[in-house]
Amino acid sequence: MTDTEDAQAPATPSSTSATPNDKDAAKICVLLNATGNVPIIKKRTWTVDPNKTVSWIQKFIHKYLKLDATEQIFLYVNQTFAPAPDQIIKNLYDCHGTNGKLVLYYCKNQAWG
């Protein structure tokens, strides 16, 4: 997951012919919103590889917030449902993306659904 305001990493060997802009275009913009008693991530908009899973994003948030190993992170799509941990981000974006972004809400306690 990369911050949209920071420079992108160099292209991988498998996509050496692609320019950094092509690589950015292949990623999905994810908007992370805090809900409940979870610490807020100041950089809310991130670009994510479309083949990553929901559990990967949960682990990223857990590590970014430096939470205790016993604490859980729950993700919700558009304040409506909790996606399965093995769900692919591209599928969620295709079905529930809004204004070019996938909006995910994260919290430490179950909030919706």
PDB file of N, CA and C in Angstrom:
ATOM      1  N   MET A   1       0.866  -1.158   0.000  1.00  0.00           N
ATOM      2  CA  MET A   1       0.000   0.000   0.000  1.00  0.00           C
ATOM      3  C   MET A   1       0.911   1.218   0.000  1.00  0.00           C
ATOM      4  N   THR A   2       0.604   2.147  -0.848  1.00  0.00           N
ATOM      5  CA  THR A   2       1.437   3.338  -0.914  1.00  0.00           C
ATOM      6  C   THR A   2       0.585   4.569  -0.747  1.00  0.00           C
ATOM      7  N   ASP A   3       1.171   5.580  -0.194  1.00  0.00           N
ATOM      8  CA  ASP A   3       0.502   6.856  -0.022  1.00  0.00           C
ATOM      9  C   ASP A   3       0.428   7.542  -1.373  1.00  0.00           C
ATOM     10  N   THR A   4      -0.716   8.096  -1.721  1.00  0.00           N
ATOM     11  CA  THR A   4      -0.878   8.714  -3.029  1.00  0.00           C
ATOM     12  C   THR A   4      -0.063   9.983  -3.177  1.00  0.00           C
ATOM     13  N   GLU A   5       0.361  10.590  -2.075  1.00  0.00           N
ATOM     14  CA  GLU A   5       1.125  11.823  -2.155  1.00  0.00           C
ATOM     15  C   GLU A   5       2.624  11.564  -2.236  1.00  0.00           C
ATOM     16  N   ASP A   6       3.070  10.355  -1.922  1.00  0.00           N
ATOM     17  CA  ASP A   6       4.490  10.022  -1.960  1.00  0.00           C
ATOM     18  C   ASP A   6       4.864   9.465  -3.329  1.00  0.00           C
ATOM     19  N   ALA A   7       6.157   9.466  -3.622  1.00  0.00           N
ATOM     20  CA  ALA A   7       6.641   8.908  -4.884  1.00  0.00           C
ATOM     21  C   ALA A   7       6.442   7.408  -4.876  1.00  0.00           C
ATOM     22  N   GLN A   8       6.162   6.863  -6.044  1.00  0.00           N
ATOM     23  CA  GLN A   8       5.928   5.433  -6.180  1.00  0.00           C
ATOM     24  C   GLN A   8       7.251   4.700  -6.283  1.00  0.00           C
ATOM     25  N   ALA A   9       7.259   3.432  -5.902  1.00  0.00           N
ATOM     26  CA  ALA A   9       8.449   2.597  -6.004  1.00  0.00           C
ATOM     27  C   ALA A   9       8.736   2.306  -7.473  1.00  0.00           C
ATOM     28  N   PRO A  10       9.989   1.984  -7.824  1.00  0.00           N
ATOM     29  CA  PRO A  10      10.301   1.672  -9.206  1.00  0.00           C
ATOM     30  C   PRO A  10       9.535   0.447  -9.683  1.00  0.00           C
ATOM     31  N   ALA A  11       9.369   0.350 -10.986  1.00  0.00           N
ATOM     32  CA  ALA A  11       8.602  -0.745 -11.579  1.00  0.00           C
ATOM     33  C   ALA A  11       9.279  -2.073 -11.283  1.00  0.00           C
ATOM     34  N   THR A  12       8.471  -3.113 -11.162  1.00  0.00           N
ATOM     35  CA  THR A  12       9.009  -4.447 -10.911  1.00  0.00           C
ATOM     36  C   THR A  12       9.612  -4.984 -12.197  1.00  0.00           C
ATOM     37  N   PRO A  13      10.507  -5.982 -12.113  1.00  0.00           N
ATOM     38  CA  PRO A  13      11.142  -6.517 -13.317  1.00  0.00           C
ATOM     39  C   PRO A  13      10.153  -7.037 -14.346  1.00  0.00           C
ATOM     40  N   SER A  14       9.010  -7.553 -13.912  1.00  0.00           N
ATOM     41  CA  SER A  14       8.030  -8.074 -14.864  1.00  0.00           C
ATOM     42  C   SER A  14       7.350  -6.973 -15.660  1.00  0.00           C
ATOM     43  N   SER A  15       7.413  -5.717 -15.173  1.00  0.00           N
ATOM     44  CA  SER A  15       6.766  -4.620 -15.886  1.00  0.00           C
ATOM     45  C   SER A  15       7.769  -3.514 -16.195  1.00  0.00           C
ATOM     46  N   THR A  16       8.959  -3.893 -16.652  1.00  0.00           N
ATOM     47  CA  THR A  16      10.001  -2.913 -16.902  1.00  0.00           C
ATOM     48  C   THR A  16       9.639  -1.950 -18.014  1.00  0.00           C
ATOM     49  N   SER A  17       8.768  -2.344 -18.940  1.00  0.00           N
ATOM     50  CA  SER A  17       8.400  -1.455 -20.030  1.00  0.00           C
ATOM     51  C   SER A  17       7.335  -0.446 -19.605  1.00  0.00           C
ATOM     52  N   ALA A  18       6.729  -0.653 -18.456  1.00  0.00           N
ATOM     53  CA  ALA A  18       5.672   0.255 -17.996  1.00  0.00           C
ATOM     54  C   ALA A  18       6.284   1.483 -17.336  1.00  0.00           C
ATOM     55  N   THR A  19       5.666   2.615 -17.567  1.00  0.00           N
ATOM     56  CA  THR A  19       6.103   3.840 -16.910  1.00  0.00           C
ATOM     57  C   THR A  19       5.467   3.899 -15.535  1.00  0.00           C
ATOM     58  N   PRO A  20       5.986   4.729 -14.622  1.00  0.00           N
ATOM     59  CA  PRO A  20       5.364   4.836 -13.301  1.00  0.00           C
ATOM     60  C   PRO A  20       3.896   5.234 -13.377  1.00  0.00           C
ATOM     61  N   ASN A  21       3.510   6.052 -14.345  1.00  0.00           N
ATOM     62  CA  ASN A  21       2.103   6.435 -14.479  1.00  0.00           C
ATOM     63  C   ASN A  21       1.238   5.243 -14.856  1.00  0.00           C
ATOM     64  N   ASP A  22       1.758   4.338 -15.694  1.00  0.00           N
ATOM     65  CA  ASP A  22       1.006   3.133 -16.043  1.00  0.00           C
ATOM     66  C   ASP A  22       0.816   2.256 -14.812  1.00  0.00           C
ATOM     67  N   LYS A  23       1.853   2.187 -13.987  1.00  0.00           N
ATOM     68  CA  LYS A  23       1.771   1.380 -12.768  1.00  0.00           C
ATOM     69  C   LYS A  23       0.730   1.975 -11.816  1.00  0.00           C
ATOM     70  N   ASP A  24       0.708   3.301 -11.685  1.00  0.00           N
ATOM     71  CA  ASP A  24      -0.274   3.958 -10.830  1.00  0.00           C
ATOM     72  C   ASP A  24      -1.691   3.708 -11.330  1.00  0.00           C
ATOM     73  N   ALA A  25      -1.871   3.706 -12.640  1.00  0.00           N
ATOM     74  CA  ALA A  25      -3.192   3.520 -13.213  1.00  0.00           C
ATOM     75  C   ALA A  25      -3.733   2.121 -12.912  1.00  0.00           C
ATOM     76  N   ALA A  26      -2.837   1.156 -12.742  1.00  0.00           N
ATOM     77  CA  ALA A  26      -3.258  -0.214 -12.473  1.00  0.00           C
ATOM     78  C   ALA A  26      -3.676  -0.409 -11.021  1.00  0.00           C
ATOM     79  N   LYS A  27      -3.352   0.536 -10.159  1.00  0.00           N
ATOM     80  CA  LYS A  27      -3.688   0.407  -8.739  1.00  0.00           C
ATOM     81  C   LYS A  27      -5.059   1.005  -8.454  1.00  0.00           C
ATOM     82  N   ILE A  28      -5.605   0.617  -7.323  1.00  0.00           N
ATOM     83  CA  ILE A  28      -6.930   1.078  -6.904  1.00  0.00           C
ATOM     84  C   ILE A  28      -6.766   2.045  -5.747  1.00  0.00           C
ATOM     85  N   CYS A  29      -7.494   3.136  -5.806  1.00  0.00           N
ATOM     86  CA  CYS A  29      -7.463   4.144  -4.752  1.00  0.00           C
ATOM     87  C   CYS A  29      -8.413   3.704  -3.637  1.00  0.00           C
ATOM     88  N   VAL A  30      -7.879   3.594  -2.425  1.00  0.00           N
ATOM     89  CA  VAL A  30      -8.658   3.163  -1.259  1.00  0.00           C
ATOM     90  C   VAL A  30      -8.679   4.302  -0.250  1.00  0.00           C
ATOM     91  N   LEU A  31      -9.874   4.632   0.216  1.00  0.00           N
ATOM     92  CA  LEU A  31     -10.059   5.678   1.227  1.00  0.00           C
ATOM     93  C   LEU A  31     -10.344   4.984   2.560  1.00  0.00           C
ATOM     94  N   LEU A  32      -9.465   5.192   3.543  1.00  0.00           N
ATOM     95  CA  LEU A  32      -9.619   4.562   4.860  1.00  0.00           C
ATOM     96  C   LEU A  32     -10.186   5.565   5.851  1.00  0.00           C
ATOM     97  N   ASN A  33     -11.335   5.242   6.425  1.00  0.00           N
ATOM     98  CA  ASN A  33     -11.992   6.094   7.415  1.00  0.00           C
ATOM     99  C   ASN A  33     -12.044   5.370   8.752  1.00  0.00           C
ATOM    100  N   ALA A  34     -11.682   6.074   9.809  1.00  0.00           N
ATOM    101  CA  ALA A  34     -11.733   5.503  11.159  1.00  0.00           C
ATOM    102  C   ALA A  34     -13.159   5.553  11.699  1.00  0.00           C
ATOM    103  N   THR A  35     -13.517   4.548  12.463  1.00  0.00           N
ATOM    104  CA  THR A  35     -14.829   4.479  13.098  1.00  0.00           C
ATOM    105  C   THR A  35     -14.646   3.980  14.524  1.00  0.00           C
ATOM    106  N   GLY A  36     -15.373   4.581  15.445  1.00  0.00           N
ATOM    107  CA  GLY A  36     -15.307   4.126  16.826  1.00  0.00           C
ATOM    108  C   GLY A  36     -14.052   4.584  17.538  1.00  0.00           C
ATOM    109  N   ASN A  37     -13.495   3.691  18.348  1.00  0.00           N
ATOM    110  CA  ASN A  37     -12.382   4.064  19.229  1.00  0.00           C
ATOM    111  C   ASN A  37     -11.018   3.699  18.666  1.00  0.00           C
ATOM    112  N   VAL A  38     -10.870   3.653  17.381  1.00  0.00           N
ATOM    113  CA  VAL A  38      -9.592   3.310  16.762  1.00  0.00           C
ATOM    114  C   VAL A  38      -8.805   4.588  16.462  1.00  0.00           C
ATOM    115  N   PRO A  39      -7.474   4.549  16.572  1.00  0.00           N
ATOM    116  CA  PRO A  39      -6.686   5.735  16.200  1.00  0.00           C
ATOM    117  C   PRO A  39      -6.883   6.088  14.729  1.00  0.00           C
ATOM    118  N   ILE A  40      -6.778   7.355  14.421  1.00  0.00           N
ATOM    119  CA  ILE A  40      -7.007   7.830  13.059  1.00  0.00           C
ATOM    120  C   ILE A  40      -5.698   7.808  12.278  1.00  0.00           C
ATOM    121  N   ILE A  41      -5.763   7.306  11.046  1.00  0.00           N
ATOM    122  CA  ILE A  41      -4.630   7.370  10.129  1.00  0.00           C
ATOM    123  C   ILE A  41      -4.743   8.706   9.409  1.00  0.00           C
ATOM    124  N   LYS A  42      -3.740   9.560   9.553  1.00  0.00           N
ATOM    125  CA  LYS A  42      -3.816  10.913   8.988  1.00  0.00           C
ATOM    126  C   LYS A  42      -3.862  10.905   7.473  1.00  0.00           C
ATOM    127  N   LYS A  43      -3.120  10.031   6.825  1.00  0.00           N
ATOM    128  CA  LYS A  43      -3.171   9.887   5.369  1.00  0.00           C
ATOM    129  C   LYS A  43      -4.290   8.908   5.060  1.00  0.00           C
ATOM    130  N   ARG A  44      -5.406   9.407   4.594  1.00  0.00           N
ATOM    131  CA  ARG A  44      -6.581   8.561   4.400  1.00  0.00           C
ATOM    132  C   ARG A  44      -6.610   7.868   3.049  1.00  0.00           C
ATOM    133  N   THR A  45      -5.995   8.452   2.029  1.00  0.00           N
ATOM    134  CA  THR A  45      -6.079   7.902   0.684  1.00  0.00           C
ATOM    135  C   THR A  45      -4.796   7.149   0.342  1.00  0.00           C
ATOM    136  N   TRP A  46      -4.945   5.896  -0.071  1.00  0.00           N
ATOM    137  CA  TRP A  46      -3.824   5.027  -0.402  1.00  0.00           C
ATOM    138  C   TRP A  46      -4.093   4.347  -1.738  1.00  0.00           C
ATOM    139  N   THR A  47      -3.043   3.995  -2.447  1.00  0.00           N
ATOM    140  CA  THR A  47      -3.203   3.197  -3.659  1.00  0.00           C
ATOM    141  C   THR A  47      -2.769   1.772  -3.344  1.00  0.00           C
ATOM    142  N   VAL A  48      -3.563   0.823  -3.835  1.00  0.00           N
ATOM    143  CA  VAL A  48      -3.362  -0.577  -3.493  1.00  0.00           C
ATOM    144  C   VAL A  48      -3.356  -1.418  -4.770  1.00  0.00           C
ATOM    145  N   ASP A  49      -2.507  -2.427  -4.769  1.00  0.00           N
ATOM    146  CA  ASP A  49      -2.496  -3.405  -5.857  1.00  0.00           C
ATOM    147  C   ASP A  49      -3.867  -4.081  -5.888  1.00  0.00           C
ATOM    148  N   PRO A  50      -4.518  -4.145  -7.048  1.00  0.00           N
ATOM    149  CA  PRO A  50      -5.871  -4.713  -7.109  1.00  0.00           C
ATOM    150  C   PRO A  50      -5.957  -6.188  -6.730  1.00  0.00           C
ATOM    151  N   ASN A  51      -4.837  -6.895  -6.742  1.00  0.00           N
ATOM    152  CA  ASN A  51      -4.860  -8.325  -6.419  1.00  0.00           C
ATOM    153  C   ASN A  51      -4.646  -8.608  -4.934  1.00  0.00           C
ATOM    154  N   LYS A  52      -4.488  -7.576  -4.111  1.00  0.00           N
ATOM    155  CA  LYS A  52      -4.352  -7.762  -2.662  1.00  0.00           C
ATOM    156  C   LYS A  52      -5.705  -8.151  -2.070  1.00  0.00           C
ATOM    157  N   THR A  53      -5.652  -8.748  -0.892  1.00  0.00           N
ATOM    158  CA  THR A  53      -6.883  -9.183  -0.229  1.00  0.00           C
ATOM    159  C   THR A  53      -7.246  -8.244   0.912  1.00  0.00           C
ATOM    160  N   VAL A  54      -8.453  -8.413   1.413  1.00  0.00           N
ATOM    161  CA  VAL A  54      -8.930  -7.629   2.552  1.00  0.00           C
ATOM    162  C   VAL A  54      -8.058  -7.913   3.777  1.00  0.00           C
ATOM    163  N   SER A  55      -7.656  -9.147   3.971  1.00  0.00           N
ATOM    164  CA  SER A  55      -6.813  -9.467   5.130  1.00  0.00           C
ATOM    165  C   SER A  55      -5.465  -8.762   5.039  1.00  0.00           C
ATOM    166  N   TRP A  56      -4.955  -8.534   3.836  1.00  0.00           N
ATOM    167  CA  TRP A  56      -3.702  -7.799   3.667  1.00  0.00           C
ATOM    168  C   TRP A  56      -3.873  -6.360   4.153  1.00  0.00           C
ATOM    169  N   ILE A  57      -5.007  -5.738   3.825  1.00  0.00           N
ATOM    170  CA  ILE A  57      -5.274  -4.370   4.274  1.00  0.00           C
ATOM    171  C   ILE A  57      -5.439  -4.341   5.794  1.00  0.00           C
ATOM    172  N   GLN A  58      -6.110  -5.336   6.352  1.00  0.00           N
ATOM    173  CA  GLN A  58      -6.254  -5.408   7.805  1.00  0.00           C
ATOM    174  C   GLN A  58      -4.882  -5.491   8.480  1.00  0.00           C
ATOM    175  N   LYS A  59      -4.001  -6.315   7.951  1.00  0.00           N
ATOM    176  CA  LYS A  59      -2.649  -6.445   8.517  1.00  0.00           C
ATOM    177  C   LYS A  59      -1.877  -5.138   8.372  1.00  0.00           C
ATOM    178  N   PHE A  60      -2.040  -4.463   7.220  1.00  0.00           N
ATOM    179  CA  PHE A  60      -1.370  -3.187   7.008  1.00  0.00           C
ATOM    180  C   PHE A  60      -1.816  -2.167   8.045  1.00  0.00           C
ATOM    181  N   ILE A  61      -3.120  -2.041   8.265  1.00  0.00           N
ATOM    182  CA  ILE A  61      -3.649  -1.084   9.247  1.00  0.00           C
ATOM    183  C   ILE A  61      -3.163  -1.443  10.645  1.00  0.00           C
ATOM    184  N   HIS A  62      -3.215  -2.720  10.975  1.00  0.00           N
ATOM    185  CA  HIS A  62      -2.772  -3.187  12.293  1.00  0.00           C
ATOM    186  C   HIS A  62      -1.318  -2.804  12.529  1.00  0.00           C
ATOM    187  N   LYS A  63      -0.474  -3.023  11.521  1.00  0.00           N
ATOM    188  CA  LYS A  63       0.954  -2.695  11.642  1.00  0.00           C
ATOM    189  C   LYS A  63       1.162  -1.182  11.660  1.00  0.00           C
ATOM    190  N   TYR A  64       0.460  -0.451  10.817  1.00  0.00           N
ATOM    191  CA  TYR A  64       0.611   1.003  10.731  1.00  0.00           C
ATOM    192  C   TYR A  64       0.248   1.683  12.040  1.00  0.00           C
ATOM    193  N   LEU A  65      -0.816   1.196  12.678  1.00  0.00           N
ATOM    194  CA  LEU A  65      -1.265   1.779  13.945  1.00  0.00           C
ATOM    195  C   LEU A  65      -0.495   1.227  15.147  1.00  0.00           C
ATOM    196  N   LYS A  66       0.369   0.256  14.922  1.00  0.00           N
ATOM    197  CA  LYS A  66       1.174  -0.370  15.983  1.00  0.00           C
ATOM    198  C   LYS A  66       0.292  -0.878  17.118  1.00  0.00           C
ATOM    199  N   LEU A  67      -0.751  -1.620  16.739  1.00  0.00           N
ATOM    200  CA  LEU A  67      -1.681  -2.169  17.720  1.00  0.00           C
ATOM    201  C   LEU A  67      -1.094  -3.409  18.374  1.00  0.00           C
ATOM    202  N   ASP A  68      -1.608  -3.727  19.544  1.00  0.00           N
ATOM    203  CA  ASP A  68      -1.211  -4.922  20.268  1.00  0.00           C
ATOM    204  C   ASP A  68      -1.650  -6.151  19.465  1.00  0.00           C
ATOM    205  N   ALA A  69      -0.918  -7.246  19.598  1.00  0.00           N
ATOM    206  CA  ALA A  69      -1.215  -8.467  18.838  1.00  0.00           C
ATOM    207  C   ALA A  69      -2.603  -9.019  19.156  1.00  0.00           C
ATOM    208  N   THR A  70      -3.147  -8.714  20.325  1.00  0.00           N
ATOM    209  CA  THR A  70      -4.460  -9.234  20.701  1.00  0.00           C
ATOM    210  C   THR A  70      -5.611  -8.397  20.128  1.00  0.00           C
ATOM    211  N   GLU A  71      -5.306  -7.185  19.649  1.00  0.00           N
ATOM    212  CA  GLU A  71      -6.353  -6.323  19.112  1.00  0.00           C
ATOM    213  C   GLU A  71      -6.669  -6.694  17.662  1.00  0.00           C
ATOM    214  N   GLN A  72      -7.934  -6.609  17.314  1.00  0.00           N
ATOM    215  CA  GLN A  72      -8.383  -6.931  15.967  1.00  0.00           C
ATOM    216  C   GLN A  72      -8.768  -5.657  15.226  1.00  0.00           C
ATOM    217  N   ILE A  73      -8.725  -5.751  13.896  1.00  0.00           N
ATOM    218  CA  ILE A  73      -9.214  -4.672  13.042  1.00  0.00           C
ATOM    219  C   ILE A  73     -10.357  -5.225  12.204  1.00  0.00           C
ATOM    220  N   PHE A  74     -11.482  -4.542  12.217  1.00  0.00           N
ATOM    221  CA  PHE A  74     -12.634  -4.909  11.401  1.00  0.00           C
ATOM    222  C   PHE A  74     -12.750  -3.902  10.267  1.00  0.00           C
ATOM    223  N   LEU A  75     -12.994  -4.387   9.055  1.00  0.00           N
ATOM    224  CA  LEU A  75     -13.172  -3.520   7.891  1.00  0.00           C
ATOM    225  C   LEU A  75     -14.603  -3.616   7.403  1.00  0.00           C
ATOM    226  N   TYR A  76     -15.123  -2.481   6.963  1.00  0.00           N
ATOM    227  CA  TYR A  76     -16.469  -2.418   6.408  1.00  0.00           C
ATOM    228  C   TYR A  76     -16.437  -1.628   5.108  1.00  0.00           C
ATOM    229  N   VAL A  77     -17.215  -2.070   4.144  1.00  0.00           N
ATOM    230  CA  VAL A  77     -17.330  -1.387   2.863  1.00  0.00           C
ATOM    231  C   VAL A  77     -18.538  -0.471   2.916  1.00  0.00           C
ATOM    232  N   ASN A  78     -18.299   0.834   2.729  1.00  0.00           N
ATOM    233  CA  ASN A  78     -19.375   1.837   2.677  1.00  0.00           C
ATOM    234  C   ASN A  78     -20.328   1.768   3.867  1.00  0.00           C
ATOM    235  N   GLN A  79     -19.843   1.475   5.046  1.00  0.00           N
ATOM    236  CA  GLN A  79     -20.629   1.388   6.281  1.00  0.00           C
ATOM    237  C   GLN A  79     -21.768   0.377   6.194  1.00  0.00           C
ATOM    238  N   THR A  80     -21.623  -0.639   5.362  1.00  0.00           N
ATOM    239  CA  THR A  80     -22.731  -1.576   5.198  1.00  0.00           C
ATOM    240  C   THR A  80     -22.397  -3.009   5.554  1.00  0.00           C
ATOM    241  N   PHE A  81     -21.285  -3.551   5.074  1.00  0.00           N
ATOM    242  CA  PHE A  81     -21.006  -4.967   5.331  1.00  0.00           C
ATOM    243  C   PHE A  81     -19.505  -5.190   5.496  1.00  0.00           C
ATOM    244  N   ALA A  82     -19.182  -6.270   6.165  1.00  0.00           N
ATOM    245  CA  ALA A  82     -17.793  -6.670   6.363  1.00  0.00           C
ATOM    246  C   ALA A  82     -17.429  -7.681   5.278  1.00  0.00           C
ATOM    247  N   PRO A  83     -16.466  -7.357   4.423  1.00  0.00           N
ATOM    248  CA  PRO A  83     -16.078  -8.309   3.377  1.00  0.00           C
ATOM    249  C   PRO A  83     -15.299  -9.483   3.964  1.00  0.00           C
ATOM    250  N   ALA A  84     -15.308 -10.592   3.252  1.00  0.00           N
ATOM    251  CA  ALA A  84     -14.545 -11.764   3.680  1.00  0.00           C
ATOM    252  C   ALA A  84     -13.049 -11.454   3.611  1.00  0.00           C
ATOM    253  N   PRO A  85     -12.256 -11.997   4.530  1.00  0.00           N
ATOM    254  CA  PRO A  85     -10.815 -11.709   4.525  1.00  0.00           C
ATOM    255  C   PRO A  85     -10.102 -12.109   3.231  1.00  0.00           C
ATOM    256  N   ASP A  86     -10.606 -13.107   2.527  1.00  0.00           N
ATOM    257  CA  ASP A  86      -9.956 -13.537   1.287  1.00  0.00           C
ATOM    258  C   ASP A  86     -10.500 -12.829   0.045  1.00  0.00           C
ATOM    259  N   GLN A  87     -11.369 -11.844   0.239  1.00  0.00           N
ATOM    260  CA  GLN A  87     -11.945 -11.088  -0.878  1.00  0.00           C
ATOM    261  C   GLN A  87     -10.867 -10.240  -1.548  1.00  0.00           C
ATOM    262  N   ILE A  88     -10.849 -10.217  -2.877  1.00  0.00           N
ATOM    263  CA  ILE A  88      -9.880  -9.445  -3.652  1.00  0.00           C
ATOM    264  C   ILE A  88     -10.359  -7.996  -3.756  1.00  0.00           C
ATOM    265  N   ILE A  89      -9.434  -7.037  -3.609  1.00  0.00           N
ATOM    266  CA  ILE A  89      -9.773  -5.608  -3.627  1.00  0.00           C
ATOM    267  C   ILE A  89     -10.400  -5.202  -4.953  1.00  0.00           C
ATOM    268  N   LYS A  90      -9.934  -5.747  -6.060  1.00  0.00           N
ATOM    269  CA  LYS A  90     -10.487  -5.394  -7.372  1.00  0.00           C
ATOM    270  C   LYS A  90     -11.971  -5.738  -7.453  1.00  0.00           C
ATOM    271  N   ASN A  91     -12.352  -6.884  -6.925  1.00  0.00           N
ATOM    272  CA  ASN A  91     -13.760  -7.278  -6.942  1.00  0.00           C
ATOM    273  C   ASN A  91     -14.613  -6.313  -6.120  1.00  0.00           C
ATOM    274  N   LEU A  92     -14.120  -5.935  -4.952  1.00  0.00           N
ATOM    275  CA  LEU A  92     -14.853  -4.976  -4.120  1.00  0.00           C
ATOM    276  C   LEU A  92     -14.980  -3.630  -4.827  1.00  0.00           C
ATOM    277  N   TYR A  93     -13.892  -3.188  -5.456  1.00  0.00           N
ATOM    278  CA  TYR A  93     -13.915  -1.904  -6.163  1.00  0.00           C
ATOM    279  C   TYR A  93     -14.892  -1.942  -7.337  1.00  0.00           C
ATOM    280  N   ASP A  94     -14.883  -3.034  -8.086  1.00  0.00           N
ATOM    281  CA  ASP A  94     -15.789  -3.155  -9.234  1.00  0.00           C
ATOM    282  C   ASP A  94     -17.250  -3.096  -8.808  1.00  0.00           C
ATOM    283  N   CYS A  95     -17.576  -3.665  -7.669  1.00  0.00           N
ATOM    284  CA  CYS A  95     -18.971  -3.712  -7.209  1.00  0.00           C
ATOM    285  C   CYS A  95     -19.366  -2.521  -6.337  1.00  0.00           C
ATOM    286  N   HIS A  96     -18.430  -1.979  -5.557  1.00  0.00           N
ATOM    287  CA  HIS A  96     -18.781  -0.974  -4.559  1.00  0.00           C
ATOM    288  C   HIS A  96     -17.947   0.299  -4.621  1.00  0.00           C
ATOM    289  N   GLY A  97     -17.137   0.460  -5.658  1.00  0.00           N
ATOM    290  CA  GLY A  97     -16.331   1.665  -5.808  1.00  0.00           C
ATOM    291  C   GLY A  97     -17.220   2.878  -6.059  1.00  0.00           C
ATOM    292  N   THR A  98     -16.836   4.023  -5.483  1.00  0.00           N
ATOM    293  CA  THR A  98     -17.601   5.260  -5.619  1.00  0.00           C
ATOM    294  C   THR A  98     -16.635   6.397  -5.944  1.00  0.00           C
ATOM    295  N   ASN A  99     -16.944   7.161  -6.983  1.00  0.00           N
ATOM    296  CA  ASN A  99     -16.122   8.309  -7.379  1.00  0.00           C
ATOM    297  C   ASN A  99     -14.652   7.937  -7.558  1.00  0.00           C
ATOM    298  N   GLY A 100     -14.386   6.775  -8.133  1.00  0.00           N
ATOM    299  CA  GLY A 100     -13.018   6.344  -8.392  1.00  0.00           C
ATOM    300  C   GLY A 100     -12.275   5.834  -7.176  1.00  0.00           C
ATOM    301  N   LYS A 101     -12.974   5.603  -6.053  1.00  0.00           N
ATOM    302  CA  LYS A 101     -12.334   5.132  -4.821  1.00  0.00           C
ATOM    303  C   LYS A 101     -13.152   4.013  -4.198  1.00  0.00           C
ATOM    304  N   LEU A 102     -12.458   3.171  -3.467  1.00  0.00           N
ATOM    305  CA  LEU A 102     -13.111   2.172  -2.637  1.00  0.00           C
ATOM    306  C   LEU A 102     -13.055   2.692  -1.211  1.00  0.00           C
ATOM    307  N   VAL A 103     -14.212   2.914  -0.604  1.00  0.00           N
ATOM    308  CA  VAL A 103     -14.278   3.485   0.740  1.00  0.00           C
ATOM    309  C   VAL A 103     -14.373   2.345   1.760  1.00  0.00           C
ATOM    310  N   LEU A 104     -13.370   2.276   2.632  1.00  0.00           N
ATOM    311  CA  LEU A 104     -13.334   1.265   3.682  1.00  0.00           C
ATOM    312  C   LEU A 104     -13.311   1.957   5.044  1.00  0.00           C
ATOM    313  N   TYR A 105     -14.100   1.450   5.957  1.00  0.00           N
ATOM    314  CA  TYR A 105     -14.131   1.940   7.339  1.00  0.00           C
ATOM    315  C   TYR A 105     -13.468   0.887   8.201  1.00  0.00           C
ATOM    316  N   TYR A 106     -12.602   1.316   9.112  1.00  0.00           N
ATOM    317  CA  TYR A 106     -11.912   0.379   9.991  1.00  0.00           C
ATOM    318  C   TYR A 106     -12.188   0.737  11.446  1.00  0.00           C
ATOM    319  N   CYS A 107     -12.272  -0.290  12.280  1.00  0.00           N
ATOM    320  CA  CYS A 107     -12.499  -0.090  13.708  1.00  0.00           C
ATOM    321  C   CYS A 107     -11.987  -1.301  14.485  1.00  0.00           C
ATOM    322  N   LYS A 108     -11.907  -1.154  15.800  1.00  0.00           N
ATOM    323  CA  LYS A 108     -11.441  -2.246  16.652  1.00  0.00           C
ATOM    324  C   LYS A 108     -12.591  -3.101  17.185  1.00  0.00           C
ATOM    325  N   ASN A 109     -13.805  -2.595  17.104  1.00  0.00           N
ATOM    326  CA  ASN A 109     -14.984  -3.343  17.541  1.00  0.00           C
ATOM    327  C   ASN A 109     -15.934  -3.491  16.367  1.00  0.00           C
ATOM    328  N   GLN A 110     -16.775  -4.493  16.400  1.00  0.00           N
ATOM    329  CA  GLN A 110     -17.737  -4.649  15.319  1.00  0.00           C
ATOM    330  C   GLN A 110     -18.705  -3.482  15.354  1.00  0.00           C
ATOM    331  N   ALA A 111     -18.909  -2.868  14.189  1.00  0.00           N
ATOM    332  CA  ALA A 111     -19.753  -1.678  14.131  1.00  0.00           C
ATOM    333  C   ALA A 111     -21.046  -1.922  13.347  1.00  0.00           C
ATOM    334  N   TRP A 112     -20.936  -2.460  12.157  1.00  0.00           N
ATOM    335  CA  TRP A 112     -22.107  -2.722  11.323  1.00  0.00           C
ATOM    336  C   TRP A 112     -22.101  -4.192  10.938  1.00  0.00           C
ATOM    337  N   GLY A 113     -23.244  -4.697  10.577  1.00  0.00           N
ATOM    338  CA  GLY A 113     -23.328  -6.064  10.059  1.00  0.00           C
ATOM    339  C   GLY A 113     -23.246  -7.045  11.125  1.00  0.00           C
TER     340      GLY A 113
END
